[in-house]
Amino acid sequence: MADIQVERTAEPQYEDATLMEIVLWIIGILMIPLVPIVMVALLTPHTGM
């Protein structure tokens, strides 16, 4: 027989992200395509053979 008086635990509460965390997330997401582009631009030899 099922117990009728079952206490439910509260859902876990998440903290709101601060402005600094949001800025870091945006920078991190933008760096994904930018790092290879910058590496190719900076590490490619500019003098011809």
PDB file of N, CA and C in Angstrom:
ATOM      1  N   MET A   1       0.839  -1.173   0.000  1.00  0.00           N
ATOM      2  CA  MET A   1       0.000   0.000   0.000  1.00  0.00           C
ATOM      3  C   MET A   1       0.893   1.248   0.000  1.00  0.00           C
ATOM      4  N   ALA A   2       0.539   2.206  -0.800  1.00  0.00           N
ATOM      5  CA  ALA A   2       1.354   3.398  -0.942  1.00  0.00           C
ATOM      6  C   ALA A   2       1.161   4.327   0.248  1.00  0.00           C
ATOM      7  N   ASP A   3       2.242   4.997   0.609  1.00  0.00           N
ATOM      8  CA  ASP A   3       2.173   5.958   1.699  1.00  0.00           C
ATOM      9  C   ASP A   3       1.587   7.262   1.160  1.00  0.00           C
ATOM     10  N   ILE A   4       0.560   7.769   1.793  1.00  0.00           N
ATOM     11  CA  ILE A   4      -0.137   8.950   1.298  1.00  0.00           C
ATOM     12  C   ILE A   4       0.593  10.227   1.674  1.00  0.00           C
ATOM     13  N   GLN A   5       1.209  10.263   2.838  1.00  0.00           N
ATOM     14  CA  GLN A   5       1.852  11.487   3.312  1.00  0.00           C
ATOM     15  C   GLN A   5       3.348  11.449   2.984  1.00  0.00           C
ATOM     16  N   VAL A   6       3.648  11.703   1.739  1.00  0.00           N
ATOM     17  CA  VAL A   6       5.041  11.723   1.296  1.00  0.00           C
ATOM     18  C   VAL A   6       5.464  13.173   1.137  1.00  0.00           C
ATOM     19  N   GLU A   7       6.599  13.519   1.762  1.00  0.00           N
ATOM     20  CA  GLU A   7       7.110  14.884   1.640  1.00  0.00           C
ATOM     21  C   GLU A   7       7.907  14.999   0.353  1.00  0.00           C
ATOM     22  N   ARG A   8       7.611  16.040  -0.393  1.00  0.00           N
ATOM     23  CA  ARG A   8       8.368  16.294  -1.613  1.00  0.00           C
ATOM     24  C   ARG A   8       9.521  17.237  -1.296  1.00  0.00           C
ATOM     25  N   THR A   9      10.651  16.930  -1.865  1.00  0.00           N
ATOM     26  CA  THR A   9      11.783  17.841  -1.682  1.00  0.00           C
ATOM     27  C   THR A   9      11.666  18.952  -2.717  1.00  0.00           C
ATOM     28  N   ALA A  10      12.138  20.108  -2.352  1.00  0.00           N
ATOM     29  CA  ALA A  10      12.064  21.266  -3.251  1.00  0.00           C
ATOM     30  C   ALA A  10      13.013  21.057  -4.427  1.00  0.00           C
ATOM     31  N   GLU A  11      12.645  21.618  -5.550  1.00  0.00           N
ATOM     32  CA  GLU A  11      13.521  21.566  -6.722  1.00  0.00           C
ATOM     33  C   GLU A  11      14.815  22.321  -6.393  1.00  0.00           C
ATOM     34  N   PRO A  12      15.935  21.871  -6.942  1.00  0.00           N
ATOM     35  CA  PRO A  12      17.181  22.611  -6.678  1.00  0.00           C
ATOM     36  C   PRO A  12      17.098  24.007  -7.271  1.00  0.00           C
ATOM     37  N   GLN A  13      17.530  24.969  -6.489  1.00  0.00           N
ATOM     38  CA  GLN A  13      17.465  26.351  -6.937  1.00  0.00           C
ATOM     39  C   GLN A  13      18.819  26.743  -7.509  1.00  0.00           C
ATOM     40  N   TYR A  14      18.789  27.350  -8.687  1.00  0.00           N
ATOM     41  CA  TYR A  14      20.012  27.752  -9.358  1.00  0.00           C
ATOM     42  C   TYR A  14      20.224  29.247  -9.165  1.00  0.00           C
ATOM     43  N   GLU A  15      21.485  29.604  -9.006  1.00  0.00           N
ATOM     44  CA  GLU A  15      21.809  31.017  -8.846  1.00  0.00           C
ATOM     45  C   GLU A  15      21.782  31.696 -10.214  1.00  0.00           C
ATOM     46  N   ASP A  16      21.381  32.944 -10.228  1.00  0.00           N
ATOM     47  CA  ASP A  16      21.434  33.702 -11.465  1.00  0.00           C
ATOM     48  C   ASP A  16      22.886  34.022 -11.796  1.00  0.00           C
ATOM     49  N   ALA A  17      23.188  34.019 -13.074  1.00  0.00           N
ATOM     50  CA  ALA A  17      24.552  34.317 -13.504  1.00  0.00           C
ATOM     51  C   ALA A  17      24.820  35.814 -13.348  1.00  0.00           C
ATOM     52  N   THR A  18      26.038  36.122 -12.940  1.00  0.00           N
ATOM     53  CA  THR A  18      26.423  37.524 -12.820  1.00  0.00           C
ATOM     54  C   THR A  18      26.790  38.056 -14.204  1.00  0.00           C
ATOM     55  N   LEU A  19      26.897  39.360 -14.310  1.00  0.00           N
ATOM     56  CA  LEU A  19      27.253  39.976 -15.586  1.00  0.00           C
ATOM     57  C   LEU A  19      28.635  39.512 -16.044  1.00  0.00           C
ATOM     58  N   MET A  20      29.554  39.340 -15.109  1.00  0.00           N
ATOM     59  CA  MET A  20      30.907  38.896 -15.459  1.00  0.00           C
ATOM     60  C   MET A  20      30.873  37.489 -16.045  1.00  0.00           C
ATOM     61  N   GLU A  21      30.062  36.608 -15.480  1.00  0.00           N
ATOM     62  CA  GLU A  21      29.960  35.247 -16.005  1.00  0.00           C
ATOM     63  C   GLU A  21      29.375  35.242 -17.411  1.00  0.00           C
ATOM     64  N   ILE A  22      28.401  36.091 -17.661  1.00  0.00           N
ATOM     65  CA  ILE A  22      27.798  36.173 -18.992  1.00  0.00           C
ATOM     66  C   ILE A  22      28.826  36.672 -20.001  1.00  0.00           C
ATOM     67  N   VAL A  23      29.608  37.684 -19.608  1.00  0.00           N
ATOM     68  CA  VAL A  23      30.642  38.214 -20.500  1.00  0.00           C
ATOM     69  C   VAL A  23      31.677  37.137 -20.799  1.00  0.00           C
ATOM     70  N   LEU A  24      32.081  36.373 -19.795  1.00  0.00           N
ATOM     71  CA  LEU A  24      33.065  35.318 -20.013  1.00  0.00           C
ATOM     72  C   LEU A  24      32.517  34.218 -20.923  1.00  0.00           C
ATOM     73  N   TRP A  25      31.234  33.886 -20.768  1.00  0.00           N
ATOM     74  CA  TRP A  25      30.597  32.897 -21.649  1.00  0.00           C
ATOM     75  C   TRP A  25      30.617  33.386 -23.088  1.00  0.00           C
ATOM     76  N   ILE A  26      30.272  34.650 -23.305  1.00  0.00           N
ATOM     77  CA  ILE A  26      30.232  35.197 -24.669  1.00  0.00           C
ATOM     78  C   ILE A  26      31.634  35.200 -25.280  1.00  0.00           C
ATOM     79  N   ILE A  27      32.628  35.609 -24.492  1.00  0.00           N
ATOM     80  CA  ILE A  27      34.007  35.614 -24.991  1.00  0.00           C
ATOM     81  C   ILE A  27      34.449  34.196 -25.328  1.00  0.00           C
ATOM     82  N   GLY A  28      34.122  33.257 -24.483  1.00  0.00           N
ATOM     83  CA  GLY A  28      34.500  31.868 -24.723  1.00  0.00           C
ATOM     84  C   GLY A  28      33.857  31.302 -25.976  1.00  0.00           C
ATOM     85  N   ILE A  29      32.595  31.628 -26.196  1.00  0.00           N
ATOM     86  CA  ILE A  29      31.906  31.137 -27.393  1.00  0.00           C
ATOM     87  C   ILE A  29      32.491  31.770 -28.647  1.00  0.00           C
ATOM     88  N   LEU A  30      32.803  33.058 -28.582  1.00  0.00           N
ATOM     89  CA  LEU A  30      33.382  33.736 -29.744  1.00  0.00           C
ATOM     90  C   LEU A  30      34.800  33.264 -30.045  1.00  0.00           C
ATOM     91  N   MET A  31      35.520  32.792 -29.030  1.00  0.00           N
ATOM     92  CA  MET A  31      36.894  32.358 -29.244  1.00  0.00           C
ATOM     93  C   MET A  31      36.970  31.040 -30.009  1.00  0.00           C
ATOM     94  N   ILE A  32      35.904  30.264 -30.013  1.00  0.00           N
ATOM     95  CA  ILE A  32      35.934  28.961 -30.694  1.00  0.00           C
ATOM     96  C   ILE A  32      36.284  29.124 -32.175  1.00  0.00           C
ATOM     97  N   PRO A  33      35.585  29.969 -32.938  1.00  0.00           N
ATOM     98  CA  PRO A  33      36.002  30.121 -34.338  1.00  0.00           C
ATOM     99  C   PRO A  33      37.166  31.095 -34.521  1.00  0.00           C
ATOM    100  N   LEU A  34      37.391  32.001 -33.578  1.00  0.00           N
ATOM    101  CA  LEU A  34      38.418  33.024 -33.768  1.00  0.00           C
ATOM    102  C   LEU A  34      39.836  32.502 -33.560  1.00  0.00           C
ATOM    103  N   VAL A  35      40.027  31.537 -32.678  1.00  0.00           N
ATOM    104  CA  VAL A  35      41.386  31.058 -32.394  1.00  0.00           C
ATOM    105  C   VAL A  35      42.026  30.446 -33.633  1.00  0.00           C
ATOM    106  N   PRO A  36      41.371  29.532 -34.365  1.00  0.00           N
ATOM    107  CA  PRO A  36      42.026  29.006 -35.571  1.00  0.00           C
ATOM    108  C   PRO A  36      42.270  30.077 -36.637  1.00  0.00           C
ATOM    109  N   ILE A  37      41.344  31.015 -36.777  1.00  0.00           N
ATOM    110  CA  ILE A  37      41.525  32.081 -37.769  1.00  0.00           C
ATOM    111  C   ILE A  37      42.737  32.935 -37.412  1.00  0.00           C
ATOM    112  N   VAL A  38      42.869  33.302 -36.161  1.00  0.00           N
ATOM    113  CA  VAL A  38      44.009  34.119 -35.724  1.00  0.00           C
ATOM    114  C   VAL A  38      45.310  33.334 -35.853  1.00  0.00           C
ATOM    115  N   MET A  39      45.287  32.041 -35.537  1.00  0.00           N
ATOM    116  CA  MET A  39      46.496  31.229 -35.657  1.00  0.00           C
ATOM    117  C   MET A  39      46.961  31.160 -37.108  1.00  0.00           C
ATOM    118  N   VAL A  40      46.035  30.953 -38.028  1.00  0.00           N
ATOM    119  CA  VAL A  40      46.418  30.897 -39.437  1.00  0.00           C
ATOM    120  C   VAL A  40      46.952  32.256 -39.884  1.00  0.00           C
ATOM    121  N   ALA A  41      46.290  33.327 -39.465  1.00  0.00           N
ATOM    122  CA  ALA A  41      46.712  34.660 -39.887  1.00  0.00           C
ATOM    123  C   ALA A  41      48.095  35.008 -39.339  1.00  0.00           C
ATOM    124  N   LEU A  42      48.383  34.622 -38.119  1.00  0.00           N
ATOM    125  CA  LEU A  42      49.652  35.013 -37.501  1.00  0.00           C
ATOM    126  C   LEU A  42      50.796  34.043 -37.806  1.00  0.00           C
ATOM    127  N   LEU A  43      50.471  32.781 -38.006  1.00  0.00           N
ATOM    128  CA  LEU A  43      51.533  31.782 -38.163  1.00  0.00           C
ATOM    129  C   LEU A  43      51.848  31.456 -39.620  1.00  0.00           C
ATOM    130  N   THR A  44      51.088  31.977 -40.558  1.00  0.00           N
ATOM    131  CA  THR A  44      51.371  31.772 -41.969  1.00  0.00           C
ATOM    132  C   THR A  44      52.523  32.698 -42.379  1.00  0.00           C
ATOM    133  N   PRO A  45      53.524  32.139 -43.028  1.00  0.00           N
ATOM    134  CA  PRO A  45      54.627  33.007 -43.458  1.00  0.00           C
ATOM    135  C   PRO A  45      54.152  34.023 -44.491  1.00  0.00           C
ATOM    136  N   HIS A  46      54.567  35.262 -44.328  1.00  0.00           N
ATOM    137  CA  HIS A  46      54.128  36.321 -45.212  1.00  0.00           C
ATOM    138  C   HIS A  46      55.093  36.563 -46.366  1.00  0.00           C
ATOM    139  N   THR A  47      56.235  35.899 -46.340  1.00  0.00           N
ATOM    140  CA  THR A  47      57.188  36.076 -47.430  1.00  0.00           C
ATOM    141  C   THR A  47      57.049  34.916 -48.401  1.00  0.00           C
ATOM    142  N   GLY A  48      57.110  35.203 -49.666  1.00  0.00           N
ATOM    143  CA  GLY A  48      57.016  34.157 -50.662  1.00  0.00           C
ATOM    144  C   GLY A  48      58.344  33.458 -50.869  1.00  0.00           C
ATOM    145  N   MET A  49      58.321  32.325 -51.578  1.00  0.00           N
ATOM    146  CA  MET A  49      59.542  31.582 -51.830  1.00  0.00           C
ATOM    147  C   MET A  49      60.160  32.009 -53.148  1.00  0.00           C
TER     148      MET A  49
END
